[in-house]
Amino acid sequence: MMSIYRKFKKFFCFSFLLFVFSSFAQNDDFLQGENLFKENRVEEAVPFLKSAISTGKFPKAYNYLALCYEKMGLLKESLEVCTEGMKVSGTDKKVLAFNAGNVCFAMEDFYSAEKWYSLAI
């Protein structure tokens, strides 16, 4: 009976440590992406921000990723990220809408830009 308890205890401790370290790693991806973005190293930031988004825990990563794509001239991808981010709980919808408006304006799609800007107000 005691050996089962010890095995369970070891398994629980291992699982807990794995969970804790993986949480830190996920947080590191977001922070690394955010820092690279702030240093204007947008191409390097993209994989970290994508990883942070995939966890579902960092809604701010949508805005950073959209801005990275915009700065890289990937306007279609930027607009897709903004649109996707609008469906996610916890994202700043007004900021995403404003950025989507800027992207549409840069694409000379003024009708869509106006629609996005109206959502940002």
N, C-alpha and C. Protein backbone atom coordinates (compact mmCIF):
# COMPACT_ATOMS: atom_id res chain seq x y z
N MET A 1 0.83 -1.19 0.00
CA MET A 1 0.00 0.00 0.00
C MET A 1 0.87 1.26 0.00
N MET A 2 1.93 1.22 0.78
CA MET A 2 2.80 2.38 0.87
C MET A 2 3.51 2.64 -0.45
N SER A 3 3.87 1.60 -1.18
CA SER A 3 4.57 1.80 -2.44
C SER A 3 3.67 2.47 -3.47
N ILE A 4 2.39 2.17 -3.46
CA ILE A 4 1.45 2.83 -4.37
C ILE A 4 1.36 4.31 -4.02
N TYR A 5 1.32 4.61 -2.74
CA TYR A 5 1.26 6.00 -2.29
C TYR A 5 2.51 6.75 -2.75
N ARG A 6 3.68 6.14 -2.60
CA ARG A 6 4.93 6.79 -3.01
C ARG A 6 4.97 7.00 -4.52
N LYS A 7 4.51 6.01 -5.27
CA LYS A 7 4.48 6.15 -6.73
C LYS A 7 3.55 7.29 -7.13
N PHE A 8 2.39 7.34 -6.48
CA PHE A 8 1.44 8.41 -6.77
C PHE A 8 2.03 9.76 -6.41
N LYS A 9 2.70 9.82 -5.27
CA LYS A 9 3.31 11.06 -4.81
C LYS A 9 4.39 11.52 -5.80
N LYS A 10 5.23 10.60 -6.26
CA LYS A 10 6.26 10.94 -7.23
C LYS A 10 5.64 11.41 -8.54
N PHE A 11 4.61 10.68 -8.97
CA PHE A 11 3.94 11.05 -10.21
C PHE A 11 3.32 12.44 -10.09
N PHE A 12 2.67 12.71 -8.98
CA PHE A 12 2.03 14.01 -8.75
C PHE A 12 3.08 15.12 -8.73
N CYS A 13 4.18 14.91 -8.03
CA CYS A 13 5.24 15.92 -7.95
C CYS A 13 5.84 16.18 -9.33
N PHE A 14 6.10 15.11 -10.08
CA PHE A 14 6.65 15.26 -11.42
C PHE A 14 5.68 16.02 -12.32
N SER A 15 4.41 15.67 -12.25
CA SER A 15 3.39 16.34 -13.07
C SER A 15 3.29 17.82 -12.71
N PHE A 16 3.32 18.10 -11.43
CA PHE A 16 3.23 19.49 -10.98
C PHE A 16 4.43 20.30 -11.48
N LEU A 17 5.63 19.76 -11.34
CA LEU A 17 6.82 20.46 -11.80
C LEU A 17 6.80 20.66 -13.31
N LEU A 18 6.35 19.66 -14.04
CA LEU A 18 6.24 19.78 -15.49
C LEU A 18 5.27 20.90 -15.87
N PHE A 19 4.14 20.95 -15.17
CA PHE A 19 3.15 22.00 -15.42
C PHE A 19 3.73 23.38 -15.12
N VAL A 20 4.41 23.52 -14.00
CA VAL A 20 4.98 24.81 -13.60
C VAL A 20 6.02 25.27 -14.62
N PHE A 21 6.92 24.38 -14.99
CA PHE A 21 7.97 24.77 -15.94
C PHE A 21 7.41 25.06 -17.33
N SER A 22 6.40 24.32 -17.74
CA SER A 22 5.81 24.61 -19.06
C SER A 22 5.07 25.94 -19.04
N SER A 23 4.48 26.31 -17.91
CA SER A 23 3.83 27.61 -17.79
C SER A 23 4.85 28.73 -17.92
N PHE A 24 6.00 28.56 -17.29
CA PHE A 24 7.05 29.57 -17.41
C PHE A 24 7.55 29.67 -18.84
N ALA A 25 7.68 28.53 -19.51
CA ALA A 25 8.15 28.53 -20.90
C ALA A 25 7.16 29.27 -21.80
N GLN A 26 5.86 29.06 -21.57
CA GLN A 26 4.85 29.76 -22.36
C GLN A 26 4.93 31.26 -22.11
N ASN A 27 5.08 31.64 -20.87
CA ASN A 27 5.20 33.04 -20.51
C ASN A 27 6.46 33.63 -21.14
N ASP A 28 7.53 32.84 -21.16
CA ASP A 28 8.78 33.30 -21.78
C ASP A 28 8.59 33.60 -23.26
N ASP A 29 7.80 32.78 -23.96
CA ASP A 29 7.55 33.02 -25.39
C ASP A 29 6.90 34.38 -25.59
N PHE A 30 5.88 34.67 -24.80
CA PHE A 30 5.20 35.96 -24.95
C PHE A 30 6.15 37.11 -24.63
N LEU A 31 6.85 37.00 -23.50
CA LEU A 31 7.75 38.08 -23.10
C LEU A 31 8.89 38.27 -24.11
N GLN A 32 9.40 37.17 -24.62
CA GLN A 32 10.47 37.25 -25.63
C GLN A 32 9.94 37.93 -26.89
N GLY A 33 8.75 37.53 -27.34
CA GLY A 33 8.16 38.15 -28.52
C GLY A 33 7.88 39.62 -28.31
N GLU A 34 7.36 39.95 -27.14
CA GLU A 34 7.07 41.35 -26.82
C GLU A 34 8.35 42.18 -26.81
N ASN A 35 9.39 41.66 -26.18
CA ASN A 35 10.66 42.39 -26.12
C ASN A 35 11.29 42.56 -27.50
N LEU A 36 11.25 41.51 -28.31
CA LEU A 36 11.80 41.62 -29.66
C LEU A 36 11.02 42.64 -30.48
N PHE A 37 9.70 42.67 -30.31
CA PHE A 37 8.88 43.66 -31.00
C PHE A 37 9.30 45.07 -30.58
N LYS A 38 9.45 45.27 -29.29
CA LYS A 38 9.82 46.59 -28.78
C LYS A 38 11.21 47.02 -29.24
N GLU A 39 12.06 46.04 -29.55
CA GLU A 39 13.40 46.34 -30.08
C GLU A 39 13.38 46.45 -31.61
N ASN A 40 12.19 46.42 -32.19
CA ASN A 40 11.99 46.50 -33.64
C ASN A 40 12.64 45.32 -34.38
N ARG A 41 12.70 44.19 -33.72
CA ARG A 41 13.20 42.95 -34.34
C ARG A 41 11.99 42.07 -34.63
N VAL A 42 11.12 42.60 -35.49
CA VAL A 42 9.79 42.01 -35.69
C VAL A 42 9.85 40.62 -36.32
N GLU A 43 10.75 40.39 -37.24
CA GLU A 43 10.82 39.07 -37.87
C GLU A 43 11.19 38.00 -36.84
N GLU A 44 12.04 38.35 -35.90
CA GLU A 44 12.43 37.42 -34.84
C GLU A 44 11.30 37.22 -33.83
N ALA A 45 10.46 38.23 -33.67
CA ALA A 45 9.38 38.16 -32.69
C ALA A 45 8.24 37.24 -33.13
N VAL A 46 8.04 37.10 -34.43
CA VAL A 46 6.88 36.37 -34.96
C VAL A 46 6.74 34.95 -34.39
N PRO A 47 7.77 34.10 -34.43
CA PRO A 47 7.55 32.73 -33.91
C PRO A 47 7.21 32.69 -32.43
N PHE A 48 7.77 33.60 -31.65
CA PHE A 48 7.47 33.63 -30.22
C PHE A 48 6.02 34.05 -29.99
N LEU A 49 5.56 35.03 -30.75
CA LEU A 49 4.19 35.50 -30.59
C LEU A 49 3.19 34.45 -31.08
N LYS A 50 3.52 33.75 -32.15
CA LYS A 50 2.65 32.66 -32.61
C LYS A 50 2.54 31.58 -31.55
N SER A 51 3.66 31.25 -30.93
CA SER A 51 3.67 30.25 -29.87
C SER A 51 2.83 30.71 -28.68
N ALA A 52 2.95 31.97 -28.32
CA ALA A 52 2.16 32.51 -27.20
C ALA A 52 0.67 32.46 -27.53
N ILE A 53 0.30 32.77 -28.76
CA ILE A 53 -1.10 32.71 -29.17
C ILE A 53 -1.62 31.29 -29.10
N SER A 54 -0.80 30.33 -29.49
CA SER A 54 -1.24 28.93 -29.52
C SER A 54 -1.60 28.41 -28.13
N THR A 55 -1.07 29.03 -27.08
CA THR A 55 -1.39 28.59 -25.72
C THR A 55 -2.77 29.07 -25.29
N GLY A 56 -3.26 30.12 -25.92
CA GLY A 56 -4.56 30.67 -25.54
C GLY A 56 -4.52 31.52 -24.28
N LYS A 57 -3.33 31.83 -23.79
CA LYS A 57 -3.21 32.55 -22.51
C LYS A 57 -2.74 34.00 -22.66
N PHE A 58 -2.41 34.41 -23.88
CA PHE A 58 -1.83 35.74 -24.06
C PHE A 58 -2.56 36.50 -25.15
N PRO A 59 -3.72 37.05 -24.85
CA PRO A 59 -4.49 37.77 -25.87
C PRO A 59 -3.76 38.98 -26.45
N LYS A 60 -2.87 39.59 -25.67
CA LYS A 60 -2.12 40.75 -26.18
C LYS A 60 -1.20 40.36 -27.34
N ALA A 61 -0.87 39.09 -27.44
CA ALA A 61 0.03 38.63 -28.50
C ALA A 61 -0.57 38.85 -29.88
N TYR A 62 -1.90 38.85 -29.99
CA TYR A 62 -2.55 39.10 -31.29
C TYR A 62 -2.18 40.48 -31.81
N ASN A 63 -2.22 41.46 -30.95
CA ASN A 63 -1.90 42.82 -31.39
C ASN A 63 -0.44 42.93 -31.82
N TYR A 64 0.45 42.37 -31.02
CA TYR A 64 1.87 42.43 -31.37
C TYR A 64 2.14 41.70 -32.69
N LEU A 65 1.53 40.53 -32.87
CA LEU A 65 1.76 39.77 -34.10
C LEU A 65 1.22 40.52 -35.31
N ALA A 66 0.04 41.11 -35.18
CA ALA A 66 -0.53 41.88 -36.29
C ALA A 66 0.38 43.06 -36.65
N LEU A 67 0.92 43.72 -35.64
CA LEU A 67 1.82 44.85 -35.90
C LEU A 67 3.14 44.38 -36.52
N CYS A 68 3.62 43.21 -36.10
CA CYS A 68 4.83 42.66 -36.71
C CYS A 68 4.61 42.44 -38.20
N TYR A 69 3.50 41.79 -38.52
CA TYR A 69 3.21 41.53 -39.93
C TYR A 69 3.06 42.83 -40.71
N GLU A 70 2.41 43.82 -40.10
CA GLU A 70 2.25 45.11 -40.78
C GLU A 70 3.61 45.74 -41.08
N LYS A 71 4.50 45.72 -40.08
CA LYS A 71 5.84 46.30 -40.27
C LYS A 71 6.65 45.55 -41.30
N MET A 72 6.37 44.25 -41.46
CA MET A 72 7.08 43.44 -42.44
C MET A 72 6.47 43.57 -43.84
N GLY A 73 5.37 44.32 -43.93
CA GLY A 73 4.71 44.49 -45.21
C GLY A 73 3.76 43.36 -45.57
N LEU A 74 3.49 42.48 -44.62
CA LEU A 74 2.58 41.36 -44.83
C LEU A 74 1.18 41.78 -44.38
N LEU A 75 0.57 42.64 -45.17
CA LEU A 75 -0.69 43.27 -44.77
C LEU A 75 -1.84 42.27 -44.68
N LYS A 76 -1.90 41.34 -45.61
CA LYS A 76 -2.97 40.34 -45.58
C LYS A 76 -2.89 39.52 -44.29
N GLU A 77 -1.69 39.09 -43.92
CA GLU A 77 -1.50 38.32 -42.70
C GLU A 77 -1.85 39.15 -41.47
N SER A 78 -1.47 40.42 -41.49
CA SER A 78 -1.79 41.31 -40.38
C SER A 78 -3.30 41.42 -40.19
N LEU A 79 -4.01 41.60 -41.28
CA LEU A 79 -5.47 41.71 -41.22
C LEU A 79 -6.10 40.41 -40.73
N GLU A 80 -5.56 39.28 -41.15
CA GLU A 80 -6.06 37.98 -40.69
C GLU A 80 -5.89 37.82 -39.18
N VAL A 81 -4.74 38.25 -38.66
CA VAL A 81 -4.50 38.16 -37.21
C VAL A 81 -5.45 39.08 -36.46
N CYS A 82 -5.67 40.28 -36.96
CA CYS A 82 -6.62 41.20 -36.32
C CYS A 82 -8.02 40.59 -36.30
N THR A 83 -8.43 40.03 -37.42
CA THR A 83 -9.76 39.43 -37.53
C THR A 83 -9.89 38.25 -36.57
N GLU A 84 -8.87 37.41 -36.52
CA GLU A 84 -8.88 36.27 -35.61
C GLU A 84 -8.91 36.74 -34.16
N GLY A 85 -8.11 37.75 -33.85
CA GLY A 85 -8.05 38.26 -32.49
C GLY A 85 -9.36 38.87 -32.01
N MET A 86 -10.15 39.38 -32.93
CA MET A 86 -11.46 39.96 -32.56
C MET A 86 -12.40 38.90 -32.00
N LYS A 87 -12.15 37.65 -32.30
CA LYS A 87 -13.01 36.55 -31.84
C LYS A 87 -12.55 35.97 -30.51
N VAL A 88 -11.42 36.43 -30.01
CA VAL A 88 -10.81 35.85 -28.82
C VAL A 88 -11.13 36.68 -27.59
N SER A 89 -11.53 36.01 -26.54
CA SER A 89 -11.83 36.68 -25.28
C SER A 89 -10.56 37.28 -24.69
N GLY A 90 -10.67 38.50 -24.20
CA GLY A 90 -9.56 39.14 -23.52
C GLY A 90 -8.70 40.03 -24.40
N THR A 91 -8.92 40.01 -25.71
CA THR A 91 -8.14 40.88 -26.58
C THR A 91 -8.70 42.29 -26.51
N ASP A 92 -7.86 43.26 -26.80
CA ASP A 92 -8.30 44.66 -26.84
C ASP A 92 -8.89 44.91 -28.22
N LYS A 93 -10.20 44.75 -28.30
CA LYS A 93 -10.91 44.82 -29.58
C LYS A 93 -10.76 46.18 -30.26
N LYS A 94 -10.75 47.25 -29.49
CA LYS A 94 -10.63 48.58 -30.08
C LYS A 94 -9.26 48.77 -30.73
N VAL A 95 -8.23 48.30 -30.08
CA VAL A 95 -6.88 48.42 -30.64
C VAL A 95 -6.74 47.55 -31.89
N LEU A 96 -7.26 46.33 -31.82
CA LEU A 96 -7.21 45.45 -32.99
C LEU A 96 -7.98 46.05 -34.16
N ALA A 97 -9.15 46.62 -33.88
CA ALA A 97 -9.96 47.23 -34.94
C ALA A 97 -9.23 48.43 -35.55
N PHE A 98 -8.61 49.24 -34.70
CA PHE A 98 -7.86 50.40 -35.20
C PHE A 98 -6.70 49.94 -36.09
N ASN A 99 -5.98 48.92 -35.63
CA ASN A 99 -4.86 48.41 -36.42
C ASN A 99 -5.35 47.79 -37.73
N ALA A 100 -6.47 47.10 -37.69
CA ALA A 100 -7.05 46.54 -38.92
C ALA A 100 -7.44 47.66 -39.87
N GLY A 101 -7.96 48.76 -39.32
CA GLY A 101 -8.29 49.92 -40.14
C GLY A 101 -7.05 50.49 -40.81
N ASN A 102 -5.96 50.58 -40.07
CA ASN A 102 -4.70 51.07 -40.65
C ASN A 102 -4.21 50.16 -41.77
N VAL A 103 -4.35 48.86 -41.56
CA VAL A 103 -3.91 47.90 -42.58
C VAL A 103 -4.76 48.05 -43.84
N CYS A 104 -6.07 48.13 -43.67
CA CYS A 104 -6.96 48.29 -44.82
C CYS A 104 -6.67 49.60 -45.55
N PHE A 105 -6.39 50.65 -44.79
CA PHE A 105 -6.05 51.94 -45.40
C PHE A 105 -4.77 51.80 -46.23
N ALA A 106 -3.78 51.11 -45.68
CA ALA A 106 -2.52 50.90 -46.41
C ALA A 106 -2.74 50.06 -47.68
N MET A 107 -3.75 49.20 -47.63
CA MET A 107 -4.09 48.37 -48.79
C MET A 107 -5.00 49.12 -49.77
N GLU A 108 -5.31 50.37 -49.41
CA GLU A 108 -6.21 51.23 -50.19
C GLU A 108 -7.62 50.65 -50.30
N ASP A 109 -8.01 49.91 -49.28
CA ASP A 109 -9.38 49.41 -49.16
C ASP A 109 -10.09 50.33 -48.17
N PHE A 110 -10.46 51.49 -48.65
CA PHE A 110 -10.96 52.55 -47.78
C PHE A 110 -12.33 52.21 -47.18
N TYR A 111 -13.12 51.47 -47.91
CA TYR A 111 -14.43 51.07 -47.39
C TYR A 111 -14.25 50.19 -46.14
N SER A 112 -13.38 49.18 -46.24
CA SER A 112 -13.13 48.31 -45.09
C SER A 112 -12.44 49.08 -43.96
N ALA A 113 -11.54 49.98 -44.33
CA ALA A 113 -10.85 50.78 -43.31
C ALA A 113 -11.87 51.56 -42.49
N GLU A 114 -12.84 52.16 -43.17
CA GLU A 114 -13.87 52.93 -42.46
C GLU A 114 -14.67 52.03 -41.52
N LYS A 115 -14.99 50.84 -41.97
CA LYS A 115 -15.74 49.90 -41.12
C LYS A 115 -14.93 49.53 -39.88
N TRP A 116 -13.63 49.25 -40.07
CA TRP A 116 -12.79 48.90 -38.93
C TRP A 116 -12.63 50.08 -37.98
N TYR A 117 -12.40 51.26 -38.54
CA TYR A 117 -12.25 52.44 -37.68
C TYR A 117 -13.51 52.70 -36.87
N SER A 118 -14.68 52.46 -37.45
CA SER A 118 -15.92 52.69 -36.72
C SER A 118 -16.04 51.73 -35.54
N LEU A 119 -15.46 50.54 -35.65
CA LEU A 119 -15.45 49.61 -34.52
C LEU A 119 -14.49 50.06 -33.42
N ALA A 120 -13.49 50.83 -33.80
CA ALA A 120 -12.48 51.27 -32.84
C ALA A 120 -12.96 52.44 -31.98
N ILE A 121 -14.00 53.11 -32.44
CA ILE A 121 -14.47 54.30 -31.71
C ILE A 121 -15.30 53.89 -30.52
